[in-house]
């Protein structure tokens, strides 16, 4: 059972990482030089991973991890939709402020999900 949890956990994180290269859930105004739509996309991306980490926290404590498979599959579907939205913005030329905003969010995401990779 513990081995199954570990395998599913690793597969889950790897699937999301393979789908993306990117990444604060804040309602604040965009920093100077960052387009509001770019900020919204990055914030949505990071918010998704916040939810994912909450799910993984519940998953690691669950007595029935296979019973959480539908929720996990929902995450994969939502991830694909969210990534399409993000890439529509990210595929435009990023200025220096946007690149920095993106990099900081990406670093936060990597720190958050690193706890779920063994």
PDB file of N, CA and C in Angstrom:
ATOM      1  N   UNK A   1       0.831  -1.190   0.000  1.00  0.00           N
ATOM      2  CA  UNK A   1       0.000   0.000   0.000  1.00  0.00           C
ATOM      3  C   UNK A   1       0.874   1.252   0.000  1.00  0.00           C
ATOM      4  N   UNK A   2       1.910   1.243   0.841  1.00  0.00           N
ATOM      5  CA  UNK A   2       2.795   2.402   0.905  1.00  0.00           C
ATOM      6  C   UNK A   2       3.539   2.587  -0.413  1.00  0.00           C
ATOM      7  N   UNK A   3       3.945   1.478  -1.020  1.00  0.00           N
ATOM      8  CA  UNK A   3       4.634   1.541  -2.307  1.00  0.00           C
ATOM      9  C   UNK A   3       3.701   2.087  -3.382  1.00  0.00           C
ATOM     10  N   UNK A   4       2.431   1.682  -3.353  1.00  0.00           N
ATOM     11  CA  UNK A   4       1.450   2.186  -4.319  1.00  0.00           C
ATOM     12  C   UNK A   4       1.283   3.684  -4.168  1.00  0.00           C
ATOM     13  N   UNK A   5       1.194   4.162  -2.931  1.00  0.00           N
ATOM     14  CA  UNK A   5       1.078   5.606  -2.690  1.00  0.00           C
ATOM     15  C   UNK A   5       2.276   6.338  -3.272  1.00  0.00           C
ATOM     16  N   UNK A   6       3.452   5.804  -3.035  1.00  0.00           N
ATOM     17  CA  UNK A   6       4.666   6.459  -3.511  1.00  0.00           C
ATOM     18  C   UNK A   6       4.692   6.516  -5.037  1.00  0.00           C
ATOM     19  N   UNK A   7       4.342   5.412  -5.683  1.00  0.00           N
ATOM     20  CA  UNK A   7       4.345   5.370  -7.147  1.00  0.00           C
ATOM     21  C   UNK A   7       3.330   6.350  -7.715  1.00  0.00           C
ATOM     22  N   UNK A   8       2.110   6.344  -7.185  1.00  0.00           N
ATOM     23  CA  UNK A   8       1.087   7.263  -7.681  1.00  0.00           C
ATOM     24  C   UNK A   8       1.504   8.701  -7.426  1.00  0.00           C
ATOM     25  N   UNK A   9       2.108   8.958  -6.275  1.00  0.00           N
ATOM     26  CA  UNK A   9       2.574  10.310  -5.952  1.00  0.00           C
ATOM     27  C   UNK A   9       3.631  10.773  -6.944  1.00  0.00           C
ATOM     28  N   UNK A  10       4.587   9.941  -7.224  1.00  0.00           N
ATOM     29  CA  UNK A  10       5.650  10.299  -8.163  1.00  0.00           C
ATOM     30  C   UNK A  10       5.080  10.485  -9.563  1.00  0.00           C
ATOM     31  N   UNK A  11       4.202   9.590  -9.984  1.00  0.00           N
ATOM     32  CA  UNK A  11       3.592   9.712 -11.309  1.00  0.00           C
ATOM     33  C   UNK A  11       2.793  11.005 -11.409  1.00  0.00           C
ATOM     34  N   UNK A  12       2.072  11.351 -10.356  1.00  0.00           N
ATOM     35  CA  UNK A  12       1.263  12.573 -10.368  1.00  0.00           C
ATOM     36  C   UNK A  12       2.132  13.806 -10.551  1.00  0.00           C
ATOM     37  N   UNK A  13       3.187  13.895  -9.783  1.00  0.00           N
ATOM     38  CA  UNK A  13       4.070  15.058  -9.887  1.00  0.00           C
ATOM     39  C   UNK A  13       4.756  15.087 -11.243  1.00  0.00           C
ATOM     40  N   UNK A  14       5.236  13.963 -11.695  1.00  0.00           N
ATOM     41  CA  UNK A  14       5.915  13.922 -12.987  1.00  0.00           C
ATOM     42  C   UNK A  14       4.976  14.274 -14.133  1.00  0.00           C
ATOM     43  N   UNK A  15       3.726  13.826 -14.065  1.00  0.00           N
ATOM     44  CA  UNK A  15       2.770  14.148 -15.128  1.00  0.00           C
ATOM     45  C   UNK A  15       2.570  15.646 -15.233  1.00  0.00           C
ATOM     46  N   UNK A  16       2.451  16.298 -14.111  1.00  0.00           N
ATOM     47  CA  UNK A  16       2.260  17.746 -14.136  1.00  0.00           C
ATOM     48  C   UNK A  16       3.526  18.444 -14.611  1.00  0.00           C
ATOM     49  N   UNK A  17       4.670  17.983 -14.168  1.00  0.00           N
ATOM     50  CA  UNK A  17       5.916  18.612 -14.611  1.00  0.00           C
ATOM     51  C   UNK A  17       6.139  18.430 -16.106  1.00  0.00           C
ATOM     52  N   UNK A  18       5.775  17.272 -16.624  1.00  0.00           N
ATOM     53  CA  UNK A  18       5.930  17.039 -18.058  1.00  0.00           C
ATOM     54  C   UNK A  18       5.027  17.977 -18.845  1.00  0.00           C
ATOM     55  N   UNK A  19       3.847  18.256 -18.314  1.00  0.00           N
ATOM     56  CA  UNK A  19       2.911  19.138 -19.005  1.00  0.00           C
ATOM     57  C   UNK A  19       3.339  20.599 -18.984  1.00  0.00           C
ATOM     58  N   UNK A  20       4.309  20.918 -18.145  1.00  0.00           N
ATOM     59  CA  UNK A  20       4.594  22.344 -17.976  1.00  0.00           C
ATOM     60  C   UNK A  20       6.061  22.659 -17.812  1.00  0.00           C
ATOM     61  N   UNK A  21       6.369  23.908 -17.994  1.00  0.00           N
ATOM     62  CA  UNK A  21       7.683  24.453 -17.679  1.00  0.00           C
ATOM     63  C   UNK A  21       7.517  25.740 -16.887  1.00  0.00           C
ATOM     64  N   UNK A  22       6.385  26.078 -16.423  1.00  0.00           N
ATOM     65  CA  UNK A  22       6.094  27.379 -15.892  1.00  0.00           C
ATOM     66  C   UNK A  22       5.899  27.526 -14.393  1.00  0.00           C
ATOM     67  N   UNK A  23       4.386  29.384 -13.794  1.00  0.00           N
ATOM     68  CA  UNK A  23       3.840  29.444 -12.451  1.00  0.00           C
ATOM     69  C   UNK A  23       3.110  30.670 -11.918  1.00  0.00           C
ATOM     70  N   UNK A  24       0.971  33.277  -8.134  1.00  0.00           N
ATOM     71  CA  UNK A  24       0.801  33.564  -6.768  1.00  0.00           C
ATOM     72  C   UNK A  24      -0.651  33.885  -6.718  1.00  0.00           C
ATOM     73  N   UNK A  25      -1.273  33.470  -6.065  1.00  0.00           N
ATOM     74  CA  UNK A  25      -2.704  33.694  -6.040  1.00  0.00           C
ATOM     75  C   UNK A  25      -2.968  34.968  -5.285  1.00  0.00           C
ATOM     76  N   UNK A  26      -2.849  36.058  -5.955  1.00  0.00           N
ATOM     77  CA  UNK A  26      -3.000  37.359  -5.332  1.00  0.00           C
ATOM     78  C   UNK A  26      -3.946  38.205  -6.156  1.00  0.00           C
ATOM     79  N   UNK A  27      -4.760  38.981  -5.469  1.00  0.00           N
ATOM     80  CA  UNK A  27      -5.682  39.868  -6.164  1.00  0.00           C
ATOM     81  C   UNK A  27      -5.077  41.258  -6.320  1.00  0.00           C
ATOM     82  N   UNK A  28      -3.830  41.434  -5.923  1.00  0.00           N
ATOM     83  CA  UNK A  28      -3.167  42.729  -6.027  1.00  0.00           C
ATOM     84  C   UNK A  28      -3.017  43.139  -7.483  1.00  0.00           C
ATOM     85  N   UNK A  29      -2.827  44.431  -7.668  1.00  0.00           N
ATOM     86  CA  UNK A  29      -2.583  44.947  -9.022  1.00  0.00           C
ATOM     87  C   UNK A  29      -1.267  44.382  -9.540  1.00  0.00           C
ATOM     88  N   UNK A  30      -1.170  44.304 -10.840  1.00  0.00           N
ATOM     89  CA  UNK A  30       0.054  43.804 -11.465  1.00  0.00           C
ATOM     90  C   UNK A  30       1.217  44.731 -11.124  1.00  0.00           C
ATOM     91  N   UNK A  31       2.389  44.160 -10.842  1.00  0.00           N
ATOM     92  CA  UNK A  31       3.572  44.993 -10.604  1.00  0.00           C
ATOM     93  C   UNK A  31       3.886  45.823 -11.848  1.00  0.00           C
ATOM     94  N   UNK A  32       4.606  46.917 -11.675  1.00  0.00           N
ATOM     95  CA  UNK A  32       4.964  47.746 -12.839  1.00  0.00           C
ATOM     96  C   UNK A  32       5.649  46.908 -13.921  1.00  0.00           C
ATOM     97  N   UNK A  33       5.179  47.064 -15.134  1.00  0.00           N
ATOM     98  CA  UNK A  33       5.775  46.361 -16.269  1.00  0.00           C
ATOM     99  C   UNK A  33       5.179  44.998 -16.552  1.00  0.00           C
ATOM    100  N   UNK A  34       4.292  44.508 -15.675  1.00  0.00           N
ATOM    101  CA  UNK A  34       3.678  43.195 -15.868  1.00  0.00           C
ATOM    102  C   UNK A  34       2.240  43.403 -16.348  1.00  0.00           C
ATOM    103  N   UNK A  35       1.927  42.849 -17.517  1.00  0.00           N
ATOM    104  CA  UNK A  35       0.569  42.955 -18.049  1.00  0.00           C
ATOM    105  C   UNK A  35      -0.413  42.254 -17.108  1.00  0.00           C
ATOM    106  N   UNK A  36      -1.572  42.862 -16.849  1.00  0.00           N
ATOM    107  CA  UNK A  36      -2.550  42.230 -15.952  1.00  0.00           C
ATOM    108  C   UNK A  36      -2.940  40.820 -16.392  1.00  0.00           C
ATOM    109  N   UNK A  37      -3.099  40.594 -17.688  1.00  0.00           N
ATOM    110  CA  UNK A  37      -3.483  39.258 -18.160  1.00  0.00           C
ATOM    111  C   UNK A  37      -2.351  38.246 -17.963  1.00  0.00           C
ATOM    112  N   UNK A  38      -1.111  38.711 -18.032  1.00  0.00           N
ATOM    113  CA  UNK A  38       0.029  37.836 -17.771  1.00  0.00           C
ATOM    114  C   UNK A  38       0.052  37.462 -16.293  1.00  0.00           C
ATOM    115  N   UNK A  39      -0.126  38.457 -15.430  1.00  0.00           N
ATOM    116  CA  UNK A  39      -0.153  38.216 -13.989  1.00  0.00           C
ATOM    117  C   UNK A  39      -1.270  37.240 -13.637  1.00  0.00           C
ATOM    118  N   UNK A  40      -2.444  37.439 -14.221  1.00  0.00           N
ATOM    119  CA  UNK A  40      -3.576  36.551 -13.950  1.00  0.00           C
ATOM    120  C   UNK A  40      -3.249  35.109 -14.341  1.00  0.00           C
ATOM    121  N   UNK A  41      -2.622  34.933 -15.481  1.00  0.00           N
ATOM    122  CA  UNK A  41      -2.264  33.586 -15.933  1.00  0.00           C
ATOM    123  C   UNK A  41      -1.253  32.938 -14.989  1.00  0.00           C
ATOM    124  N   UNK A  42      -0.234  33.684 -14.594  1.00  0.00           N
ATOM    125  CA  UNK A  42       0.790  33.149 -13.688  1.00  0.00           C
ATOM    126  C   UNK A  42       0.172  32.858 -12.321  1.00  0.00           C
ATOM    127  N   UNK A  43      -0.653  33.768 -11.830  1.00  0.00           N
ATOM    128  CA  UNK A  43      -1.301  33.566 -10.537  1.00  0.00           C
ATOM    129  C   UNK A  43      -2.221  32.345 -10.560  1.00  0.00           C
ATOM    130  N   UNK A  44      -2.935  32.152 -11.651  1.00  0.00           N
ATOM    131  CA  UNK A  44      -3.799  30.976 -11.792  1.00  0.00           C
ATOM    132  C   UNK A  44      -2.968  29.702 -11.783  1.00  0.00           C
ATOM    133  N   UNK A  45      -1.856  29.746 -12.455  1.00  0.00           N
ATOM    134  CA  UNK A  45      -0.959  28.596 -12.515  1.00  0.00           C
ATOM    135  C   UNK A  45      -0.474  28.226 -11.121  1.00  0.00           C
ATOM    136  N   UNK A  46      -0.021  29.229 -10.375  1.00  0.00           N
ATOM    137  CA  UNK A  46       0.463  28.955  -9.025  1.00  0.00           C
ATOM    138  C   UNK A  46      -0.684  28.505  -8.120  1.00  0.00           C
ATOM    139  N   UNK A  47      -1.846  29.113  -8.265  1.00  0.00           N
ATOM    140  CA  UNK A  47      -3.004  28.707  -7.476  1.00  0.00           C
ATOM    141  C   UNK A  47      -3.375  27.252  -7.708  1.00  0.00           C
ATOM    142  N   UNK A  48      -3.263  26.825  -8.959  1.00  0.00           N
ATOM    143  CA  UNK A  48      -3.529  25.428  -9.278  1.00  0.00           C
ATOM    144  C   UNK A  48      -2.587  24.520  -8.488  1.00  0.00           C
ATOM    145  N   UNK A  49      -1.314  24.863  -8.440  1.00  0.00           N
ATOM    146  CA  UNK A  49      -0.358  24.028  -7.722  1.00  0.00           C
ATOM    147  C   UNK A  49      -0.564  24.093  -6.216  1.00  0.00           C
ATOM    148  N   UNK A  50      -1.073  25.206  -5.702  1.00  0.00           N
ATOM    149  CA  UNK A  50      -1.443  25.260  -4.287  1.00  0.00           C
ATOM    150  C   UNK A  50      -2.530  24.225  -4.001  1.00  0.00           C
ATOM    151  N   UNK A  51      -3.530  24.165  -4.873  1.00  0.00           N
ATOM    152  CA  UNK A  51      -4.598  23.172  -4.736  1.00  0.00           C
ATOM    153  C   UNK A  51      -4.042  21.759  -4.868  1.00  0.00           C
ATOM    154  N   UNK A  52      -3.146  21.575  -5.814  1.00  0.00           N
ATOM    155  CA  UNK A  52      -2.546  20.258  -6.022  1.00  0.00           C
ATOM    156  C   UNK A  52      -1.793  19.807  -4.768  1.00  0.00           C
ATOM    157  N   UNK A  53      -1.039  20.711  -4.164  1.00  0.00           N
ATOM    158  CA  UNK A  53      -0.292  20.359  -2.954  1.00  0.00           C
ATOM    159  C   UNK A  53      -1.240  20.016  -1.807  1.00  0.00           C
ATOM    160  N   UNK A  54      -2.354  20.724  -1.704  1.00  0.00           N
ATOM    161  CA  UNK A  54      -3.361  20.386  -0.687  1.00  0.00           C
ATOM    162  C   UNK A  54      -3.910  18.982  -0.934  1.00  0.00           C
ATOM    163  N   UNK A  55      -4.174  18.685  -2.207  1.00  0.00           N
ATOM    164  CA  UNK A  55      -4.638  17.348  -2.566  1.00  0.00           C
ATOM    165  C   UNK A  55      -3.594  16.302  -2.182  1.00  0.00           C
ATOM    166  N   UNK A  56      -2.342  16.544  -2.499  1.00  0.00           N
ATOM    167  CA  UNK A  56      -1.288  15.576  -2.197  1.00  0.00           C
ATOM    168  C   UNK A  56      -1.124  15.389  -0.694  1.00  0.00           C
ATOM    169  N   UNK A  57      -1.330  16.443   0.067  1.00  0.00           N
ATOM    170  CA  UNK A  57      -1.271  16.337   1.529  1.00  0.00           C
ATOM    171  C   UNK A  57      -2.370  15.385   2.019  1.00  0.00           C
ATOM    172  N   UNK A  58      -3.588  15.563   1.504  1.00  0.00           N
ATOM    173  CA  UNK A  58      -4.690  14.660   1.859  1.00  0.00           C
ATOM    174  C   UNK A  58      -4.403  13.242   1.365  1.00  0.00           C
ATOM    175  N   UNK A  59      -3.856  13.145   0.178  1.00  0.00           N
ATOM    176  CA  UNK A  59      -3.563  11.845  -0.424  1.00  0.00           C
ATOM    177  C   UNK A  59      -2.566  11.057   0.420  1.00  0.00           C
ATOM    178  N   UNK A  60      -1.511  11.715   0.856  1.00  0.00           N
ATOM    179  CA  UNK A  60      -0.483  11.007   1.626  1.00  0.00           C
ATOM    180  C   UNK A  60      -1.007  10.523   2.974  1.00  0.00           C
ATOM    181  N   UNK A  61      -2.065  11.145   3.475  1.00  0.00           N
ATOM    182  CA  UNK A  61      -2.651  10.741   4.757  1.00  0.00           C
ATOM    183  C   UNK A  61      -3.853   9.816   4.585  1.00  0.00           C
ATOM    184  N   UNK A  62      -4.268   9.590   3.363  1.00  0.00           N
ATOM    185  CA  UNK A  62      -5.485   8.829   3.091  1.00  0.00           C
ATOM    186  C   UNK A  62      -5.303   7.340   3.366  1.00  0.00           C
ATOM    187  N   UNK A  63      -6.374   6.749   3.876  1.00  0.00           N
ATOM    188  CA  UNK A  63      -6.421   5.297   4.059  1.00  0.00           C
ATOM    189  C   UNK A  63      -6.826   4.606   2.758  1.00  0.00           C
ATOM    190  N   UNK A  64      -7.355   5.378   1.809  1.00  0.00           N
ATOM    191  CA  UNK A  64      -7.840   4.823   0.547  1.00  0.00           C
ATOM    192  C   UNK A  64      -7.366   5.693  -0.625  1.00  0.00           C
ATOM    193  N   UNK A  65      -6.069   5.662  -0.938  1.00  0.00           N
ATOM    194  CA  UNK A  65      -5.561   6.527  -2.009  1.00  0.00           C
ATOM    195  C   UNK A  65      -6.169   6.220  -3.376  1.00  0.00           C
ATOM    196  N   UNK A  66      -6.500   4.968  -3.632  1.00  0.00           N
ATOM    197  CA  UNK A  66      -7.108   4.647  -4.925  1.00  0.00           C
ATOM    198  C   UNK A  66      -8.491   5.268  -5.048  1.00  0.00           C
ATOM    199  N   UNK A  67      -9.138   5.508  -3.930  1.00  0.00           N
ATOM    200  CA  UNK A  67     -10.436   6.156  -3.931  1.00  0.00           C
ATOM    201  C   UNK A  67     -10.361   7.625  -4.321  1.00  0.00           C
ATOM    202  N   UNK A  68      -9.157   8.155  -4.396  1.00  0.00           N
ATOM    203  CA  UNK A  68      -8.958   9.561  -4.759  1.00  0.00           C
ATOM    204  C   UNK A  68      -8.597   9.722  -6.233  1.00  0.00           C
ATOM    205  N   UNK A  69      -8.647   8.628  -6.982  1.00  0.00           N
ATOM    206  CA  UNK A  69      -8.221   8.658  -8.376  1.00  0.00           C
ATOM    207  C   UNK A  69      -9.060   9.614  -9.223  1.00  0.00           C
ATOM    208  N   UNK A  70     -10.365   9.666  -9.004  1.00  0.00           N
ATOM    209  CA  UNK A  70     -11.204  10.585  -9.784  1.00  0.00           C
ATOM    210  C   UNK A  70     -10.794  12.033  -9.555  1.00  0.00           C
ATOM    211  N   UNK A  71     -10.501  12.363  -8.311  1.00  0.00           N
ATOM    212  CA  UNK A  71     -10.057  13.730  -8.012  1.00  0.00           C
ATOM    213  C   UNK A  71      -8.724  14.024  -8.704  1.00  0.00           C
ATOM    214  N   UNK A  72      -7.841  13.044  -8.693  1.00  0.00           N
ATOM    215  CA  UNK A  72      -6.553  13.214  -9.365  1.00  0.00           C
ATOM    216  C   UNK A  72      -6.744  13.422 -10.869  1.00  0.00           C
ATOM    217  N   UNK A  73      -7.606  12.626 -11.484  1.00  0.00           N
ATOM    218  CA  UNK A  73      -7.861  12.773 -12.919  1.00  0.00           C
ATOM    219  C   UNK A  73      -8.472  14.137 -13.227  1.00  0.00           C
ATOM    220  N   UNK A  74      -9.292  14.645 -12.333  1.00  0.00           N
ATOM    221  CA  UNK A  74      -9.840  15.989 -12.481  1.00  0.00           C
ATOM    222  C   UNK A  74      -8.714  17.025 -12.476  1.00  0.00           C
ATOM    223  N   UNK A  75      -7.718  16.829 -11.613  1.00  0.00           N
ATOM    224  CA  UNK A  75      -6.567  17.737 -11.594  1.00  0.00           C
ATOM    225  C   UNK A  75      -5.845  17.729 -12.938  1.00  0.00           C
ATOM    226  N   UNK A  76      -5.665  16.559 -13.513  1.00  0.00           N
ATOM    227  CA  UNK A  76      -4.981  16.485 -14.803  1.00  0.00           C
ATOM    228  C   UNK A  76      -5.752  17.221 -15.886  1.00  0.00           C
ATOM    229  N   UNK A  77      -7.062  17.070 -15.882  1.00  0.00           N
ATOM    230  CA  UNK A  77      -7.898  17.765 -16.860  1.00  0.00           C
ATOM    231  C   UNK A  77      -7.823  19.275 -16.661  1.00  0.00           C
ATOM    232  N   UNK A  78      -7.935  19.716 -15.430  1.00  0.00           N
ATOM    233  CA  UNK A  78      -7.850  21.147 -15.124  1.00  0.00           C
ATOM    234  C   UNK A  78      -6.472  21.698 -15.469  1.00  0.00           C
ATOM    235  N   UNK A  79      -5.450  20.879 -15.254  1.00  0.00           N
ATOM    236  CA  UNK A  79      -4.089  21.312 -15.565  1.00  0.00           C
ATOM    237  C   UNK A  79      -3.960  21.599 -17.053  1.00  0.00           C
ATOM    238  N   UNK A  80      -4.496  20.740 -17.869  1.00  0.00           N
ATOM    239  CA  UNK A  80      -4.412  20.935 -19.316  1.00  0.00           C
ATOM    240  C   UNK A  80      -5.107  22.228 -19.732  1.00  0.00           C
ATOM    241  N   UNK A  81      -6.291  22.484 -19.207  1.00  0.00           N
ATOM    242  CA  UNK A  81      -7.034  23.707 -19.519  1.00  0.00           C
ATOM    243  C   UNK A  81      -6.273  24.938 -19.054  1.00  0.00           C
ATOM    244  N   UNK A  82      -5.760  24.878 -17.842  1.00  0.00           N
ATOM    245  CA  UNK A  82      -5.023  25.997 -17.279  1.00  0.00           C
ATOM    246  C   UNK A  82      -3.748  26.273 -18.073  1.00  0.00           C
ATOM    247  N   UNK A  83      -3.064  25.227 -18.486  1.00  0.00           N
ATOM    248  CA  UNK A  83      -1.835  25.406 -19.259  1.00  0.00           C
ATOM    249  C   UNK A  83      -2.106  26.046 -20.612  1.00  0.00           C
ATOM    250  N   UNK A  84      -3.201  25.682 -21.242  1.00  0.00           N
ATOM    251  CA  UNK A  84      -3.548  26.307 -22.523  1.00  0.00           C
ATOM    252  C   UNK A  84      -3.720  27.807 -22.344  1.00  0.00           C
ATOM    253  N   UNK A  85      -4.401  28.201 -21.283  1.00  0.00           N
ATOM    254  CA  UNK A  85      -4.591  29.621 -20.997  1.00  0.00           C
ATOM    255  C   UNK A  85      -3.249  30.300 -20.726  1.00  0.00           C
ATOM    256  N   UNK A  86      -2.420  29.626 -19.935  1.00  0.00           N
ATOM    257  CA  UNK A  86      -1.123  30.204 -19.594  1.00  0.00           C
ATOM    258  C   UNK A  86      -0.242  30.342 -20.829  1.00  0.00           C
ATOM    259  N   UNK A  87      -0.163  29.300 -21.630  1.00  0.00           N
ATOM    260  CA  UNK A  87       0.710  29.347 -22.802  1.00  0.00           C
ATOM    261  C   UNK A  87       0.266  30.385 -23.823  1.00  0.00           C
ATOM    262  N   UNK A  88      -1.028  30.654 -23.886  1.00  0.00           N
ATOM    263  CA  UNK A  88      -1.510  31.701 -24.795  1.00  0.00           C
ATOM    264  C   UNK A  88      -0.898  33.052 -24.425  1.00  0.00           C
ATOM    265  N   UNK A  89      -0.681  33.270 -23.153  1.00  0.00           N
ATOM    266  CA  UNK A  89      -0.062  34.513 -22.677  1.00  0.00           C
ATOM    267  C   UNK A  89       1.462  34.393 -22.705  1.00  0.00           C
ATOM    268  N   UNK A  90       1.982  33.275 -22.222  1.00  0.00           N
ATOM    269  CA  UNK A  90       3.433  33.114 -22.077  1.00  0.00           C
ATOM    270  C   UNK A  90       4.155  33.027 -23.413  1.00  0.00           C
ATOM    271  N   UNK A  91       3.461  32.642 -24.469  1.00  0.00           N
ATOM    272  CA  UNK A  91       4.108  32.540 -25.775  1.00  0.00           C
ATOM    273  C   UNK A  91       4.322  33.891 -26.435  1.00  0.00           C
ATOM    274  N   UNK A  92       3.829  34.934 -25.812  1.00  0.00           N
ATOM    275  CA  UNK A  92       4.130  36.277 -26.299  1.00  0.00           C
ATOM    276  C   UNK A  92       5.482  36.675 -25.721  1.00  0.00           C
ATOM    277  N   UNK A  93       6.066  37.717 -26.244  1.00  0.00           N
ATOM    278  CA  UNK A  93       7.353  38.167 -25.714  1.00  0.00           C
ATOM    279  C   UNK A  93       7.172  38.708 -24.303  1.00  0.00           C
ATOM    280  N   UNK A  94       7.911  38.136 -23.362  1.00  0.00           N
ATOM    281  CA  UNK A  94       7.873  38.625 -21.988  1.00  0.00           C
ATOM    282  C   UNK A  94       8.915  39.717 -21.833  1.00  0.00           C
ATOM    283  N   UNK A  95       8.525  40.776 -21.161  1.00  0.00           N
ATOM    284  CA  UNK A  95       9.508  41.805 -20.853  1.00  0.00           C
ATOM    285  C   UNK A  95      10.270  41.387 -19.591  1.00  0.00           C
ATOM    286  N   UNK A  96      11.201  42.207 -19.157  1.00  0.00           N
ATOM    287  CA  UNK A  96      12.046  41.862 -18.013  1.00  0.00           C
ATOM    288  C   UNK A  96      11.222  41.671 -16.736  1.00  0.00           C
ATOM    289  N   UNK A  97      10.258  42.555 -16.491  1.00  0.00           N
ATOM    290  CA  UNK A  97       9.430  42.457 -15.285  1.00  0.00           C
ATOM    291  C   UNK A  97       8.600  41.177 -15.297  1.00  0.00           C
ATOM    292  N   UNK A  98       8.059  40.810 -16.450  1.00  0.00           N
ATOM    293  CA  UNK A  98       7.256  39.594 -16.556  1.00  0.00           C
ATOM    294  C   UNK A  98       8.115  38.345 -16.391  1.00  0.00           C
ATOM    295  N   UNK A  99       9.299  38.375 -16.954  1.00  0.00           N
ATOM    296  CA  UNK A  99      10.208  37.241 -16.799  1.00  0.00           C
ATOM    297  C   UNK A  99      10.537  37.022 -15.327  1.00  0.00           C
ATOM    298  N   UNK A 100      10.811  38.094 -14.613  1.00  0.00           N
ATOM    299  CA  UNK A 100      11.113  37.999 -13.186  1.00  0.00           C
ATOM    300  C   UNK A 100       9.898  37.495 -12.403  1.00  0.00           C
ATOM    301  N   UNK A 101       8.724  38.014 -12.719  1.00  0.00           N
ATOM    302  CA  UNK A 101       7.491  37.593 -12.042  1.00  0.00           C
ATOM    303  C   UNK A 101       7.262  36.094 -12.248  1.00  0.00           C
ATOM    304  N   UNK A 102       7.434  35.657 -13.480  1.00  0.00           N
ATOM    305  CA  UNK A 102       7.279  34.244 -13.826  1.00  0.00           C
ATOM    306  C   UNK A 102       8.303  33.379 -13.092  1.00  0.00           C
ATOM    307  N   UNK A 103       9.574  33.793 -13.102  1.00  0.00           N
ATOM    308  CA  UNK A 103      10.631  33.004 -12.471  1.00  0.00           C
ATOM    309  C   UNK A 103      10.387  32.839 -10.976  1.00  0.00           C
ATOM    310  N   UNK A 104       9.964  33.909 -10.319  1.00  0.00           N
ATOM    311  CA  UNK A 104       9.705  33.825  -8.876  1.00  0.00           C
ATOM    312  C   UNK A 104       8.549  32.881  -8.576  1.00  0.00           C
ATOM    313  N   UNK A 105       7.498  32.955  -9.366  1.00  0.00           N
ATOM    314  CA  UNK A 105       6.362  32.052  -9.174  1.00  0.00           C
ATOM    315  C   UNK A 105       6.783  30.602  -9.425  1.00  0.00           C
ATOM    316  N   UNK A 106       7.559  30.378 -10.468  1.00  0.00           N
ATOM    317  CA  UNK A 106       8.029  29.035 -10.802  1.00  0.00           C
ATOM    318  C   UNK A 106       8.872  28.461  -9.664  1.00  0.00           C
ATOM    319  N   UNK A 107       9.743  29.276  -9.093  1.00  0.00           N
ATOM    320  CA  UNK A 107      10.572  28.822  -7.972  1.00  0.00           C
ATOM    321  C   UNK A 107       9.709  28.444  -6.773  1.00  0.00           C
ATOM    322  N   UNK A 108       8.670  29.239  -6.486  1.00  0.00           N
ATOM    323  CA  UNK A 108       7.770  28.908  -5.372  1.00  0.00           C
ATOM    324  C   UNK A 108       7.068  27.578  -5.633  1.00  0.00           C
ATOM    325  N   UNK A 109       6.622  27.377  -6.856  1.00  0.00           N
ATOM    326  CA  UNK A 109       5.941  26.124  -7.196  1.00  0.00           C
ATOM    327  C   UNK A 109       6.883  24.941  -7.008  1.00  0.00           C
ATOM    328  N   UNK A 110       8.092  25.049  -7.491  1.00  0.00           N
ATOM    329  CA  UNK A 110       9.044  23.943  -7.370  1.00  0.00           C
ATOM    330  C   UNK A 110       9.325  23.623  -5.903  1.00  0.00           C
ATOM    331  N   UNK A 111       9.427  24.647  -5.055  1.00  0.00           N
ATOM    332  CA  UNK A 111       9.631  24.406  -3.617  1.00  0.00           C
ATOM    333  C   UNK A 111       8.432  23.667  -3.033  1.00  0.00           C
ATOM    334  N   UNK A 112       7.230  24.074  -3.426  1.00  0.00           N
ATOM    335  CA  UNK A 112       6.015  23.452  -2.888  1.00  0.00           C
ATOM    336  C   UNK A 112       5.910  21.984  -3.291  1.00  0.00           C
ATOM    337  N   UNK A 113       6.106  21.685  -4.557  1.00  0.00           N
ATOM    338  CA  UNK A 113       5.895  20.304  -5.003  1.00  0.00           C
ATOM    339  C   UNK A 113       7.083  19.401  -4.718  1.00  0.00           C
ATOM    340  N   UNK A 114       8.233  19.965  -4.396  1.00  0.00           N
ATOM    341  CA  UNK A 114       9.405  19.127  -4.127  1.00  0.00           C
ATOM    342  C   UNK A 114       9.185  18.216  -2.925  1.00  0.00           C
ATOM    343  N   UNK A 115       8.319  18.604  -2.018  1.00  0.00           N
ATOM    344  CA  UNK A 115       8.025  17.770  -0.862  1.00  0.00           C
ATOM    345  C   UNK A 115       7.260  16.503  -1.197  1.00  0.00           C
ATOM    346  N   UNK A 116       6.763  16.400  -2.416  1.00  0.00           N
ATOM    347  CA  UNK A 116       5.967  15.240  -2.806  1.00  0.00           C
ATOM    348  C   UNK A 116       6.704  14.318  -3.764  1.00  0.00           C
ATOM    349  N   UNK A 117       7.968  14.586  -4.001  1.00  0.00           N
ATOM    350  CA  UNK A 117       8.785  13.725  -4.850  1.00  0.00           C
ATOM    351  C   UNK A 117       9.829  13.076  -3.965  1.00  0.00           C
ATOM    352  N   UNK A 118       9.850  11.754  -3.957  1.00  0.00           N
ATOM    353  CA  UNK A 118      10.808  11.029  -3.112  1.00  0.00           C
ATOM    354  C   UNK A 118      12.011  10.628  -3.911  1.00  0.00           C
TER     355      UNK A 118
END
